[in-house]
Full PDB file with SEQRES, HELIX, SHEET, SSBOND, CRYST1, ORIGX, SCALE, CONECT and MASTER records, all heavy atoms in Angstrom:
SEQRES   1 A   41  ARG PHE ILE THR ARG VAL GLY MET PRO PHE LYS ALA ALA          
SEQRES   2 A   41  ASP ILE ARG SER LEU ALA GLY ARG ARG ILE GLY PHE VAL          
SEQRES   3 A   41  LYS ASN THR SER HIS GLN ALA PHE LEU GLU LYS TYR TYR          
SEQRES   4 A   41  ASP ARG                                                      
HELIX    1 AA1 SER A   30  TYR A   38  1                                   9    
CRYST1    1.000    1.000    1.000  90.00  90.00  90.00 P 1           1          
ORIGX1      1.000000  0.000000  0.000000        0.00000                         
ORIGX2      0.000000  1.000000  0.000000        0.00000                         
ORIGX3      0.000000  0.000000  1.000000        0.00000                         
SCALE1      1.000000  0.000000  0.000000        0.00000                         
SCALE2      0.000000  1.000000  0.000000        0.00000                         
SCALE3      0.000000  0.000000  1.000000        0.00000                         
ATOM      1  N   ARG A   1       2.198  -9.615  25.653  1.00  0.00           N  
ATOM      2  CA  ARG A   1       3.379  -9.993  24.891  1.00  0.00           C  
ATOM      3  C   ARG A   1       3.084  -9.950  23.385  1.00  0.00           C  
ATOM      4  O   ARG A   1       2.021 -10.366  22.921  1.00  0.00           O  
ATOM      5  CB  ARG A   1       3.809 -11.414  25.254  1.00  0.00           C  
ATOM      6  CG  ARG A   1       5.180 -11.773  24.684  1.00  0.00           C  
ATOM      7  CD  ARG A   1       5.548 -13.228  24.889  1.00  0.00           C  
ATOM      8  NE  ARG A   1       5.665 -13.678  26.252  1.00  0.00           N  
ATOM      9  CZ  ARG A   1       6.680 -13.390  27.071  1.00  0.00           C  
ATOM     10  NH1 ARG A   1       7.638 -12.573  26.664  1.00  0.00           N  
ATOM     11  NH2 ARG A   1       6.728 -13.906  28.276  1.00  0.00           N  
ATOM     12  N   PHE A   2       4.069  -9.431  22.635  1.00  0.00           N  
ATOM     13  CA  PHE A   2       4.055  -9.540  21.189  1.00  0.00           C  
ATOM     14  C   PHE A   2       4.717 -10.840  20.792  1.00  0.00           C  
ATOM     15  O   PHE A   2       5.733 -11.249  21.377  1.00  0.00           O  
ATOM     16  CB  PHE A   2       4.838  -8.391  20.527  1.00  0.00           C  
ATOM     17  CG  PHE A   2       4.154  -7.051  20.567  1.00  0.00           C  
ATOM     18  CD1 PHE A   2       4.439  -6.138  21.578  1.00  0.00           C  
ATOM     19  CD2 PHE A   2       3.225  -6.711  19.597  1.00  0.00           C  
ATOM     20  CE1 PHE A   2       3.807  -4.899  21.608  1.00  0.00           C  
ATOM     21  CE2 PHE A   2       2.599  -5.469  19.612  1.00  0.00           C  
ATOM     22  CZ  PHE A   2       2.894  -4.566  20.629  1.00  0.00           C  
ATOM     23  N   ILE A   3       4.155 -11.524  19.801  1.00  0.00           N  
ATOM     24  CA  ILE A   3       4.815 -12.695  19.228  1.00  0.00           C  
ATOM     25  C   ILE A   3       4.862 -12.527  17.710  1.00  0.00           C  
ATOM     26  O   ILE A   3       4.034 -11.794  17.132  1.00  0.00           O  
ATOM     27  CB  ILE A   3       4.113 -14.009  19.607  1.00  0.00           C  
ATOM     28  CG1 ILE A   3       2.657 -14.036  19.135  1.00  0.00           C  
ATOM     29  CG2 ILE A   3       4.179 -14.230  21.109  1.00  0.00           C  
ATOM     30  CD1 ILE A   3       1.956 -15.373  19.380  1.00  0.00           C  
ATOM     31  N   THR A   4       5.803 -13.196  17.084  1.00  0.00           N  
ATOM     32  CA  THR A   4       5.969 -13.086  15.634  1.00  0.00           C  
ATOM     33  C   THR A   4       6.478 -14.398  15.084  1.00  0.00           C  
ATOM     34  O   THR A   4       6.814 -15.315  15.842  1.00  0.00           O  
ATOM     35  CB  THR A   4       6.942 -11.934  15.295  1.00  0.00           C  
ATOM     36  OG1 THR A   4       6.926 -11.711  13.890  1.00  0.00           O  
ATOM     37  CG2 THR A   4       8.366 -12.276  15.737  1.00  0.00           C  
ATOM     38  N   ARG A   5       6.542 -14.520  13.767  1.00  0.00           N  
ATOM     39  CA  ARG A   5       7.029 -15.753  13.154  1.00  0.00           C  
ATOM     40  C   ARG A   5       8.552 -15.806  13.211  1.00  0.00           C  
ATOM     41  O   ARG A   5       9.229 -14.771  13.189  1.00  0.00           O  
ATOM     42  CB  ARG A   5       6.566 -15.854  11.696  1.00  0.00           C  
ATOM     43  CG  ARG A   5       5.079 -16.116  11.550  1.00  0.00           C  
ATOM     44  CD  ARG A   5       4.693 -16.445  10.106  1.00  0.00           C  
ATOM     45  NE  ARG A   5       5.212 -15.459   9.161  1.00  0.00           N  
ATOM     46  CZ  ARG A   5       4.712 -14.262   8.975  1.00  0.00           C  
ATOM     47  NH1 ARG A   5       3.674 -13.865   9.723  1.00  0.00           N  
ATOM     48  NH2 ARG A   5       5.224 -13.432   8.104  1.00  0.00           N  
ATOM     49  N   VAL A   6       9.067 -17.002  13.225  1.00  0.00           N  
ATOM     50  CA  VAL A   6      10.505 -17.207  13.200  1.00  0.00           C  
ATOM     51  C   VAL A   6      11.064 -16.636  11.902  1.00  0.00           C  
ATOM     52  O   VAL A   6      10.495 -16.819  10.821  1.00  0.00           O  
ATOM     53  CB  VAL A   6      10.839 -18.706  13.306  1.00  0.00           C  
ATOM     54  CG1 VAL A   6      12.349 -18.935  13.139  1.00  0.00           C  
ATOM     55  CG2 VAL A   6      10.346 -19.280  14.624  1.00  0.00           C  
ATOM     56  N   GLY A   7      12.156 -15.873  11.999  1.00  0.00           N  
ATOM     57  CA  GLY A   7      12.809 -15.360  10.808  1.00  0.00           C  
ATOM     58  C   GLY A   7      12.347 -13.998  10.327  1.00  0.00           C  
ATOM     59  O   GLY A   7      12.830 -13.508   9.306  1.00  0.00           O  
ATOM     60  N   MET A   8      11.415 -13.386  11.033  1.00  0.00           N  
ATOM     61  CA  MET A   8      10.970 -12.049  10.630  1.00  0.00           C  
ATOM     62  C   MET A   8      12.132 -11.053  10.785  1.00  0.00           C  
ATOM     63  O   MET A   8      12.967 -11.192  11.665  1.00  0.00           O  
ATOM     64  CB  MET A   8       9.761 -11.622  11.450  1.00  0.00           C  
ATOM     65  CG  MET A   8       8.490 -12.400  11.133  1.00  0.00           C  
ATOM     66  SD  MET A   8       7.901 -12.127   9.438  1.00  0.00           S  
ATOM     67  CE  MET A   8       7.106 -10.533   9.612  1.00  0.00           C  
ATOM     68  N   PRO A   9      12.178 -10.022   9.929  1.00  0.00           N  
ATOM     69  CA  PRO A   9      13.336  -9.118   9.905  1.00  0.00           C  
ATOM     70  C   PRO A   9      13.452  -8.169  11.087  1.00  0.00           C  
ATOM     71  O   PRO A   9      14.496  -7.583  11.310  1.00  0.00           O  
ATOM     72  CB  PRO A   9      13.135  -8.331   8.599  1.00  0.00           C  
ATOM     73  CG  PRO A   9      11.666  -8.363   8.371  1.00  0.00           C  
ATOM     74  CD  PRO A   9      11.220  -9.714   8.860  1.00  0.00           C  
ATOM     75  N   PHE A  10      12.377  -7.962  11.857  1.00  0.00           N  
ATOM     76  CA  PHE A  10      12.454  -7.064  12.995  1.00  0.00           C  
ATOM     77  C   PHE A  10      12.634  -7.881  14.272  1.00  0.00           C  
ATOM     78  O   PHE A  10      12.085  -8.969  14.397  1.00  0.00           O  
ATOM     79  CB  PHE A  10      11.208  -6.171  13.084  1.00  0.00           C  
ATOM     80  CG  PHE A  10       9.910  -6.924  13.006  1.00  0.00           C  
ATOM     81  CD1 PHE A  10       9.281  -7.396  14.141  1.00  0.00           C  
ATOM     82  CD2 PHE A  10       9.328  -7.170  11.774  1.00  0.00           C  
ATOM     83  CE1 PHE A  10       8.079  -8.089  14.068  1.00  0.00           C  
ATOM     84  CE2 PHE A  10       8.125  -7.858  11.685  1.00  0.00           C  
ATOM     85  CZ  PHE A  10       7.516  -8.321  12.823  1.00  0.00           C  
ATOM     86  N   LYS A  11      13.413  -7.365  15.201  1.00  0.00           N  
ATOM     87  CA  LYS A  11      13.761  -8.118  16.409  1.00  0.00           C  
ATOM     88  C   LYS A  11      13.298  -7.446  17.688  1.00  0.00           C  
ATOM     89  O   LYS A  11      13.569  -7.949  18.773  1.00  0.00           O  
ATOM     90  CB  LYS A  11      15.287  -8.303  16.477  1.00  0.00           C  
ATOM     91  CG  LYS A  11      15.877  -8.987  15.248  1.00  0.00           C  
ATOM     92  CD  LYS A  11      15.318 -10.388  15.051  1.00  0.00           C  
ATOM     93  CE  LYS A  11      15.912 -11.069  13.827  1.00  0.00           C  
ATOM     94  NZ  LYS A  11      15.293 -12.397  13.565  1.00  0.00           N  
ATOM     95  N   ALA A  12      12.617  -6.304  17.585  1.00  0.00           N  
ATOM     96  CA  ALA A  12      12.177  -5.587  18.776  1.00  0.00           C  
ATOM     97  C   ALA A  12      10.695  -5.263  18.656  1.00  0.00           C  
ATOM     98  O   ALA A  12      10.120  -5.270  17.570  1.00  0.00           O  
ATOM     99  CB  ALA A  12      12.992  -4.314  18.940  1.00  0.00           C  
ATOM    100  N   ALA A  13      10.097  -4.956  19.814  1.00  0.00           N  
ATOM    101  CA  ALA A  13       8.656  -4.686  19.849  1.00  0.00           C  
ATOM    102  C   ALA A  13       8.361  -3.230  20.193  1.00  0.00           C  
ATOM    103  O   ALA A  13       7.270  -2.906  20.648  1.00  0.00           O  
ATOM    104  CB  ALA A  13       7.982  -5.603  20.865  1.00  0.00           C  
ATOM    105  N   ASP A  14       9.324  -2.353  19.986  1.00  0.00           N  
ATOM    106  CA  ASP A  14       9.079  -0.949  20.274  1.00  0.00           C  
ATOM    107  C   ASP A  14       8.221  -0.327  19.166  1.00  0.00           C  
ATOM    108  O   ASP A  14       8.016  -0.903  18.103  1.00  0.00           O  
ATOM    109  CB  ASP A  14      10.395  -0.176  20.412  1.00  0.00           C  
ATOM    110  CG  ASP A  14      11.259  -0.276  19.163  1.00  0.00           C  
ATOM    111  OD1 ASP A  14      11.969  -1.291  19.026  1.00  0.00           O  
ATOM    112  OD2 ASP A  14      11.162   0.621  18.308  1.00  0.00           O  
ATOM    113  N   ILE A  15       7.714   0.866  19.430  1.00  0.00           N  
ATOM    114  CA  ILE A  15       6.786   1.526  18.517  1.00  0.00           C  
ATOM    115  C   ILE A  15       7.402   1.737  17.150  1.00  0.00           C  
ATOM    116  O   ILE A  15       6.765   1.524  16.107  1.00  0.00           O  
ATOM    117  CB  ILE A  15       6.325   2.872  19.119  1.00  0.00           C  
ATOM    118  CG1 ILE A  15       5.506   2.602  20.393  1.00  0.00           C  
ATOM    119  CG2 ILE A  15       5.518   3.672  18.114  1.00  0.00           C  
ATOM    120  CD1 ILE A  15       5.175   3.862  21.183  1.00  0.00           C  
ATOM    121  N   ARG A  16       8.660   2.160  17.104  1.00  0.00           N  
ATOM    122  CA  ARG A  16       9.316   2.426  15.827  1.00  0.00           C  
ATOM    123  C   ARG A  16       9.514   1.146  15.022  1.00  0.00           C  
ATOM    124  O   ARG A  16       9.253   1.115  13.816  1.00  0.00           O  
ATOM    125  CB  ARG A  16      10.669   3.117  16.054  1.00  0.00           C  
ATOM    126  CG  ARG A  16      11.429   3.417  14.770  1.00  0.00           C  
ATOM    127  CD  ARG A  16      12.752   4.124  15.040  1.00  0.00           C  
ATOM    128  NE  ARG A  16      12.520   5.447  15.628  1.00  0.00           N  
ATOM    129  CZ  ARG A  16      13.511   6.287  15.959  1.00  0.00           C  
ATOM    130  NH1 ARG A  16      14.767   5.917  15.804  1.00  0.00           N  
ATOM    131  NH2 ARG A  16      13.226   7.450  16.476  1.00  0.00           N  
ATOM    132  N   SER A  17       9.951   0.081  15.686  1.00  0.00           N  
ATOM    133  CA  SER A  17      10.216  -1.177  14.956  1.00  0.00           C  
ATOM    134  C   SER A  17       8.945  -1.765  14.339  1.00  0.00           C  
ATOM    135  O   SER A  17       9.001  -2.402  13.295  1.00  0.00           O  
ATOM    136  CB  SER A  17      10.843  -2.207  15.903  1.00  0.00           C  
ATOM    137  OG  SER A  17      12.098  -1.785  16.376  1.00  0.00           O  
ATOM    138  N   LEU A  18       7.815  -1.536  14.980  1.00  0.00           N  
ATOM    139  CA  LEU A  18       6.557  -2.123  14.500  1.00  0.00           C  
ATOM    140  C   LEU A  18       5.700  -1.132  13.705  1.00  0.00           C  
ATOM    141  O   LEU A  18       4.585  -1.469  13.329  1.00  0.00           O  
ATOM    142  CB  LEU A  18       5.766  -2.671  15.673  1.00  0.00           C  
ATOM    143  CG  LEU A  18       6.398  -3.870  16.400  1.00  0.00           C  
ATOM    144  CD1 LEU A  18       5.502  -4.368  17.525  1.00  0.00           C  
ATOM    145  CD2 LEU A  18       6.680  -5.018  15.428  1.00  0.00           C  
ATOM    146  N   ALA A  19       6.220   0.047  13.443  1.00  0.00           N  
ATOM    147  CA  ALA A  19       5.472   1.008  12.635  1.00  0.00           C  
ATOM    148  C   ALA A  19       5.210   0.420  11.251  1.00  0.00           C  
ATOM    149  O   ALA A  19       6.128  -0.081  10.588  1.00  0.00           O  
ATOM    150  CB  ALA A  19       6.251   2.312  12.531  1.00  0.00           C  
ATOM    151  N   GLY A  20       3.965   0.472  10.801  1.00  0.00           N  
ATOM    152  CA  GLY A  20       3.592  -0.062   9.487  1.00  0.00           C  
ATOM    153  C   GLY A  20       3.395  -1.561   9.444  1.00  0.00           C  
ATOM    154  O   GLY A  20       2.906  -2.087   8.430  1.00  0.00           O  
ATOM    155  N   ARG A  21       3.728  -2.252  10.500  1.00  0.00           N  
ATOM    156  CA  ARG A  21       3.581  -3.715  10.540  1.00  0.00           C  
ATOM    157  C   ARG A  21       2.142  -4.097  10.872  1.00  0.00           C  
ATOM    158  O   ARG A  21       1.432  -3.382  11.573  1.00  0.00           O  
ATOM    159  CB  ARG A  21       4.515  -4.313  11.588  1.00  0.00           C  
ATOM    160  CG  ARG A  21       5.997  -4.048  11.321  1.00  0.00           C  
ATOM    161  CD  ARG A  21       6.500  -4.798  10.113  1.00  0.00           C  
ATOM    162  NE  ARG A  21       7.927  -4.585   9.894  1.00  0.00           N  
ATOM    163  CZ  ARG A  21       8.617  -5.165   8.926  1.00  0.00           C  
ATOM    164  NH1 ARG A  21       8.019  -5.996   8.085  1.00  0.00           N  
ATOM    165  NH2 ARG A  21       9.907  -4.930   8.785  1.00  0.00           N  
ATOM    166  N   ARG A  22       1.722  -5.249  10.397  1.00  0.00           N  
ATOM    167  CA  ARG A  22       0.375  -5.752  10.657  1.00  0.00           C  
ATOM    168  C   ARG A  22       0.350  -6.471  12.000  1.00  0.00           C  
ATOM    169  O   ARG A  22       0.962  -7.520  12.155  1.00  0.00           O  
ATOM    170  CB  ARG A  22      -0.049  -6.720   9.536  1.00  0.00           C  
ATOM    171  CG  ARG A  22      -0.046  -6.115   8.134  1.00  0.00           C  
ATOM    172  CD  ARG A  22      -0.136  -7.212   7.080  1.00  0.00           C  
ATOM    173  NE  ARG A  22       1.029  -8.092   7.177  1.00  0.00           N  
ATOM    174  CZ  ARG A  22       1.115  -9.268   6.527  1.00  0.00           C  
ATOM    175  NH1 ARG A  22       0.126  -9.686   5.754  1.00  0.00           N  
ATOM    176  NH2 ARG A  22       2.195 -10.024   6.671  1.00  0.00           N  
ATOM    177  N   ILE A  23      -0.377  -5.878  12.942  1.00  0.00           N  
ATOM    178  CA  ILE A  23      -0.444  -6.440  14.291  1.00  0.00           C  
ATOM    179  C   ILE A  23      -1.871  -6.890  14.589  1.00  0.00           C  
ATOM    180  O   ILE A  23      -2.823  -6.144  14.388  1.00  0.00           O  
ATOM    181  CB  ILE A  23      -0.016  -5.406  15.350  1.00  0.00           C  
ATOM    182  CG1 ILE A  23       1.403  -4.908  15.063  1.00  0.00           C  
ATOM    183  CG2 ILE A  23      -0.086  -6.023  16.760  1.00  0.00           C  
ATOM    184  CD1 ILE A  23       1.852  -3.816  16.020  1.00  0.00           C  
ATOM    185  N   GLY A  24      -2.012  -8.106  15.088  1.00  0.00           N  
ATOM    186  CA  GLY A  24      -3.324  -8.652  15.412  1.00  0.00           C  
ATOM    187  C   GLY A  24      -3.654  -8.491  16.884  1.00  0.00           C  
ATOM    188  O   GLY A  24      -2.763  -8.516  17.747  1.00  0.00           O  
ATOM    189  N   PHE A  25      -4.952  -8.342  17.174  1.00  0.00           N  
ATOM    190  CA  PHE A  25      -5.438  -8.304  18.542  1.00  0.00           C  
ATOM    191  C   PHE A  25      -6.864  -8.838  18.555  1.00  0.00           C  
ATOM    192  O   PHE A  25      -7.534  -8.919  17.518  1.00  0.00           O  
ATOM    193  CB  PHE A  25      -5.422  -6.863  19.090  1.00  0.00           C  
ATOM    194  CG  PHE A  25      -6.327  -5.914  18.333  1.00  0.00           C  
ATOM    195  CD1 PHE A  25      -7.662  -5.763  18.682  1.00  0.00           C  
ATOM    196  CD2 PHE A  25      -5.831  -5.171  17.271  1.00  0.00           C  
ATOM    197  CE1 PHE A  25      -8.493  -4.906  17.974  1.00  0.00           C  
ATOM    198  CE2 PHE A  25      -6.649  -4.303  16.565  1.00  0.00           C  
ATOM    199  CZ  PHE A  25      -7.994  -4.168  16.922  1.00  0.00           C  
ATOM    200  N   VAL A  26      -7.320  -9.230  19.735  1.00  0.00           N  
ATOM    201  CA  VAL A  26      -8.696  -9.705  19.895  1.00  0.00           C  
ATOM    202  C   VAL A  26      -9.578  -8.502  20.160  1.00  0.00           C  
ATOM    203  O   VAL A  26      -9.281  -7.675  21.034  1.00  0.00           O  
ATOM    204  CB  VAL A  26      -8.825 -10.750  21.033  1.00  0.00           C  
ATOM    205  CG1 VAL A  26     -10.272 -11.132  21.226  1.00  0.00           C  
ATOM    206  CG2 VAL A  26      -7.972 -11.972  20.691  1.00  0.00           C  
ATOM    207  N   LYS A  27     -10.666  -8.415  19.416  1.00  0.00           N  
ATOM    208  CA  LYS A  27     -11.575  -7.263  19.476  1.00  0.00           C  
ATOM    209  C   LYS A  27     -12.193  -7.103  20.862  1.00  0.00           C  
ATOM    210  O   LYS A  27     -12.507  -8.076  21.535  1.00  0.00           O  
ATOM    211  CB  LYS A  27     -12.674  -7.441  18.424  1.00  0.00           C  
ATOM    212  CG  LYS A  27     -13.573  -6.240  18.243  1.00  0.00           C  
ATOM    213  CD  LYS A  27     -14.576  -6.480  17.121  1.00  0.00           C  
ATOM    214  CE  LYS A  27     -15.473  -5.281  16.912  1.00  0.00           C  
ATOM    215  NZ  LYS A  27     -16.454  -5.525  15.806  1.00  0.00           N  
ATOM    216  N   ASN A  28     -12.342  -5.847  21.271  1.00  0.00           N  
ATOM    217  CA  ASN A  28     -13.008  -5.475  22.526  1.00  0.00           C  
ATOM    218  C   ASN A  28     -12.271  -6.009  23.757  1.00  0.00           C  
ATOM    219  O   ASN A  28     -12.901  -6.435  24.722  1.00  0.00           O  
ATOM    220  CB  ASN A  28     -14.461  -5.951  22.539  1.00  0.00           C  
ATOM    221  CG  ASN A  28     -15.287  -5.292  21.457  1.00  0.00           C  
ATOM    222  OD1 ASN A  28     -15.074  -4.128  21.123  1.00  0.00           O  
ATOM    223  ND2 ASN A  28     -16.223  -6.041  20.891  1.00  0.00           N  
ATOM    224  N   THR A  29     -10.959  -6.002  23.704  1.00  0.00           N  
ATOM    225  CA  THR A  29     -10.159  -6.408  24.855  1.00  0.00           C  
ATOM    226  C   THR A  29      -9.278  -5.262  25.319  1.00  0.00           C  
ATOM    227  O   THR A  29      -9.113  -4.249  24.623  1.00  0.00           O  
ATOM    228  CB  THR A  29      -9.245  -7.593  24.491  1.00  0.00           C  
ATOM    229  OG1 THR A  29      -8.334  -7.186  23.450  1.00  0.00           O  
ATOM    230  CG2 THR A  29     -10.047  -8.800  24.033  1.00  0.00           C  
ATOM    231  N   SER A  30      -8.697  -5.417  26.491  1.00  0.00           N  
ATOM    232  CA  SER A  30      -7.768  -4.414  26.999  1.00  0.00           C  
ATOM    233  C   SER A  30      -6.504  -4.344  26.146  1.00  0.00           C  
ATOM    234  O   SER A  30      -5.842  -3.297  26.088  1.00  0.00           O  
ATOM    235  CB  SER A  30      -7.405  -4.731  28.453  1.00  0.00           C  
ATOM    236  OG  SER A  30      -6.930  -6.051  28.590  1.00  0.00           O  
ATOM    237  N   HIS A  31      -6.171  -5.427  25.455  1.00  0.00           N  
ATOM    238  CA  HIS A  31      -5.006  -5.402  24.570  1.00  0.00           C  
ATOM    239  C   HIS A  31      -5.261  -4.488  23.363  1.00  0.00           C  
ATOM    240  O   HIS A  31      -4.346  -3.825  22.870  1.00  0.00           O  
ATOM    241  CB  HIS A  31      -4.656  -6.833  24.134  1.00  0.00           C  
ATOM    242  CG  HIS A  31      -4.334  -7.729  25.273  1.00  0.00           C  
ATOM    243  ND1 HIS A  31      -5.244  -8.584  25.816  1.00  0.00           N  
ATOM    244  CD2 HIS A  31      -3.194  -7.869  26.003  1.00  0.00           C  
ATOM    245  CE1 HIS A  31      -4.697  -9.228  26.841  1.00  0.00           C  
ATOM    246  NE2 HIS A  31      -3.453  -8.803  26.975  1.00  0.00           N  
ATOM    247  N   GLN A  32      -6.488  -4.451  22.905  1.00  0.00           N  
ATOM    248  CA  GLN A  32      -6.857  -3.517  21.833  1.00  0.00           C  
ATOM    249  C   GLN A  32      -6.660  -2.067  22.305  1.00  0.00           C  
ATOM    250  O   GLN A  32      -6.094  -1.240  21.587  1.00  0.00           O  
ATOM    251  CB  GLN A  32      -8.308  -3.732  21.402  1.00  0.00           C  
ATOM    252  CG  GLN A  32      -8.797  -2.687  20.398  1.00  0.00           C  
ATOM    253  CD  GLN A  32     -10.258  -2.886  19.989  1.00  0.00           C  
ATOM    254  OE1 GLN A  32     -10.884  -3.876  20.363  1.00  0.00           O  
ATOM    255  NE2 GLN A  32     -10.790  -1.953  19.231  1.00  0.00           N  
ATOM    256  N   ALA A  33      -7.118  -1.771  23.524  1.00  0.00           N  
ATOM    257  CA  ALA A  33      -6.980  -0.414  24.054  1.00  0.00           C  
ATOM    258  C   ALA A  33      -5.515   0.000  24.134  1.00  0.00           C  
ATOM    259  O   ALA A  33      -5.156   1.142  23.812  1.00  0.00           O  
ATOM    260  CB  ALA A  33      -7.640  -0.346  25.430  1.00  0.00           C  
ATOM    261  N   PHE A  34      -4.646  -0.918  24.554  1.00  0.00           N  
ATOM    262  CA  PHE A  34      -3.224  -0.633  24.650  1.00  0.00           C  
ATOM    263  C   PHE A  34      -2.633  -0.344  23.288  1.00  0.00           C  
ATOM    264  O   PHE A  34      -1.894   0.647  23.113  1.00  0.00           O  
ATOM    265  CB  PHE A  34      -2.515  -1.825  25.303  1.00  0.00           C  
ATOM    266  CG  PHE A  34      -1.019  -1.713  25.356  1.00  0.00           C  
ATOM    267  CD1 PHE A  34      -0.410  -0.987  26.369  1.00  0.00           C  
ATOM    268  CD2 PHE A  34      -0.199  -2.336  24.407  1.00  0.00           C  
ATOM    269  CE1 PHE A  34       0.979  -0.874  26.429  1.00  0.00           C  
ATOM    270  CE2 PHE A  34       1.171  -2.235  24.466  1.00  0.00           C  
ATOM    271  CZ  PHE A  34       1.772  -1.495  25.480  1.00  0.00           C  
ATOM    272  N   LEU A  35      -2.935  -1.176  22.292  1.00  0.00           N  
ATOM    273  CA  LEU A  35      -2.398  -0.982  20.955  1.00  0.00           C  
ATOM    274  C   LEU A  35      -2.868   0.321  20.333  1.00  0.00           C  
ATOM    275  O   LEU A  35      -2.098   1.055  19.700  1.00  0.00           O  
ATOM    276  CB  LEU A  35      -2.778  -2.160  20.058  1.00  0.00           C  
ATOM    277  CG  LEU A  35      -2.091  -3.486  20.339  1.00  0.00           C  
ATOM    278  CD1 LEU A  35      -2.675  -4.580  19.458  1.00  0.00           C  
ATOM    279  CD2 LEU A  35      -0.582  -3.405  20.143  1.00  0.00           C  
ATOM    280  N   GLU A  36      -4.126   0.633  20.490  1.00  0.00           N  
ATOM    281  CA  GLU A  36      -4.679   1.856  19.899  1.00  0.00           C  
ATOM    282  C   GLU A  36      -4.079   3.098  20.554  1.00  0.00           C  
ATOM    283  O   GLU A  36      -3.982   4.148  19.902  1.00  0.00           O  
ATOM    284  CB  GLU A  36      -6.193   1.860  20.022  1.00  0.00           C  
ATOM    285  CG  GLU A  36      -6.845   0.819  19.109  1.00  0.00           C  
ATOM    286  CD  GLU A  36      -8.356   0.776  19.248  1.00  0.00           C  
ATOM    287  OE1 GLU A  36      -8.868   1.301  20.262  1.00  0.00           O  
ATOM    288  OE2 GLU A  36      -9.019   0.183  18.368  1.00  0.00           O  
ATOM    289  N   LYS A  37      -3.666   2.975  21.801  1.00  0.00           N  
ATOM    290  CA  LYS A  37      -3.065   4.112  22.506  1.00  0.00           C  
ATOM    291  C   LYS A  37      -1.602   4.336  22.100  1.00  0.00           C  
ATOM    292  O   LYS A  37      -1.168   5.477  21.909  1.00  0.00           O  
ATOM    293  CB  LYS A  37      -3.144   3.892  24.005  1.00  0.00           C  
ATOM    294  CG  LYS A  37      -2.603   5.048  24.832  1.00  0.00           C  
ATOM    295  CD  LYS A  37      -2.796   4.800  26.315  1.00  0.00           C  
ATOM    296  CE  LYS A  37      -2.272   5.959  27.161  1.00  0.00           C  
ATOM    297  NZ  LYS A  37      -2.489   5.709  28.612  1.00  0.00           N  
ATOM    298  N   TYR A  38      -0.854   3.238  21.937  1.00  0.00           N  
ATOM    299  CA  TYR A  38       0.588   3.383  21.735  1.00  0.00           C  
ATOM    300  C   TYR A  38       1.087   2.969  20.344  1.00  0.00           C  
ATOM    301  O   TYR A  38       2.153   3.421  19.915  1.00  0.00           O  
ATOM    302  CB  TYR A  38       1.347   2.541  22.782  1.00  0.00           C  
ATOM    303  CG  TYR A  38       1.120   3.005  24.193  1.00  0.00           C  
ATOM    304  CD1 TYR A  38       0.337   2.259  25.065  1.00  0.00           C  
ATOM    305  CD2 TYR A  38       1.678   4.193  24.662  1.00  0.00           C  
ATOM    306  CE1 TYR A  38       0.121   2.681  26.380  1.00  0.00           C  
ATOM    307  CE2 TYR A  38       1.465   4.618  25.961  1.00  0.00           C  
ATOM    308  CZ  TYR A  38       0.693   3.861  26.821  1.00  0.00           C  
ATOM    309  OH  TYR A  38       0.483   4.270  28.110  1.00  0.00           O  
ATOM    310  N   TYR A  39       0.363   2.127  19.628  1.00  0.00           N  
ATOM    311  CA  TYR A  39       0.846   1.572  18.364  1.00  0.00           C  
ATOM    312  C   TYR A  39      -0.050   1.985  17.195  1.00  0.00           C  
ATOM    313  O   TYR A  39      -0.288   1.212  16.274  1.00  0.00           O  
ATOM    314  CB  TYR A  39       0.948   0.047  18.456  1.00  0.00           C  
ATOM    315  CG  TYR A  39       2.121  -0.410  19.299  1.00  0.00           C  
ATOM    316  CD1 TYR A  39       2.049  -0.433  20.689  1.00  0.00           C  
ATOM    317  CD2 TYR A  39       3.327  -0.797  18.696  1.00  0.00           C  
ATOM    318  CE1 TYR A  39       3.129  -0.822  21.452  1.00  0.00           C  
ATOM    319  CE2 TYR A  39       4.420  -1.195  19.457  1.00  0.00           C  
ATOM    320  CZ  TYR A  39       4.310  -1.196  20.844  1.00  0.00           C  
ATOM    321  OH  TYR A  39       5.390  -1.592  21.601  1.00  0.00           O  
ATOM    322  N   ASP A  40      -0.500   3.228  17.206  1.00  0.00           N  
ATOM    323  CA  ASP A  40      -1.400   3.694  16.151  1.00  0.00           C  
ATOM    324  C   ASP A  40      -0.668   3.901  14.816  1.00  0.00           C  
ATOM    325  O   ASP A  40      -1.307   4.107  13.777  1.00  0.00           O  
ATOM    326  CB  ASP A  40      -2.108   4.985  16.549  1.00  0.00           C  
ATOM    327  CG  ASP A  40      -1.142   6.099  16.937  1.00  0.00           C  
ATOM    328  OD1 ASP A  40       0.050   5.813  17.184  1.00  0.00           O  
ATOM    329  OD2 ASP A  40      -1.571   7.267  17.002  1.00  0.00           O  
ATOM    330  N   ARG A  41       0.650   3.807  14.799  1.00  0.00           N  
ATOM    331  CA  ARG A  41       1.411   3.865  13.543  1.00  0.00           C  
ATOM    332  C   ARG A  41       1.511   2.503  12.872  1.00  0.00           C  
ATOM    333  O   ARG A  41       2.027   2.398  11.754  1.00  0.00           O  
ATOM    334  CB  ARG A  41       2.805   4.435  13.808  1.00  0.00           C  
ATOM    335  CG  ARG A  41       2.825   5.889  14.244  1.00  0.00           C  
ATOM    336  CD  ARG A  41       4.162   6.293  14.817  1.00  0.00           C  
ATOM    337  NE  ARG A  41       5.252   6.052  13.866  1.00  0.00           N  
ATOM    338  CZ  ARG A  41       6.542   6.132  14.194  1.00  0.00           C  
ATOM    339  NH1 ARG A  41       6.891   6.453  15.448  1.00  0.00           N  
ATOM    340  NH2 ARG A  41       7.473   5.896  13.296  1.00  0.00           N  
TER     341      ARG A  41                                                      
MASTER        0    0    0    1    0    0    0    6  340    1    0    4          
END                                                                             
């Protein structure tokens, strides 16, 4: 799951909506592998 702060201007978690956005993940996890595969923008 993606989570964000209340009031942020984007309302969706698709690749286009999160392009250029700062996304955090825990190093050396399967979540990192997912993000690097699909959210490299």
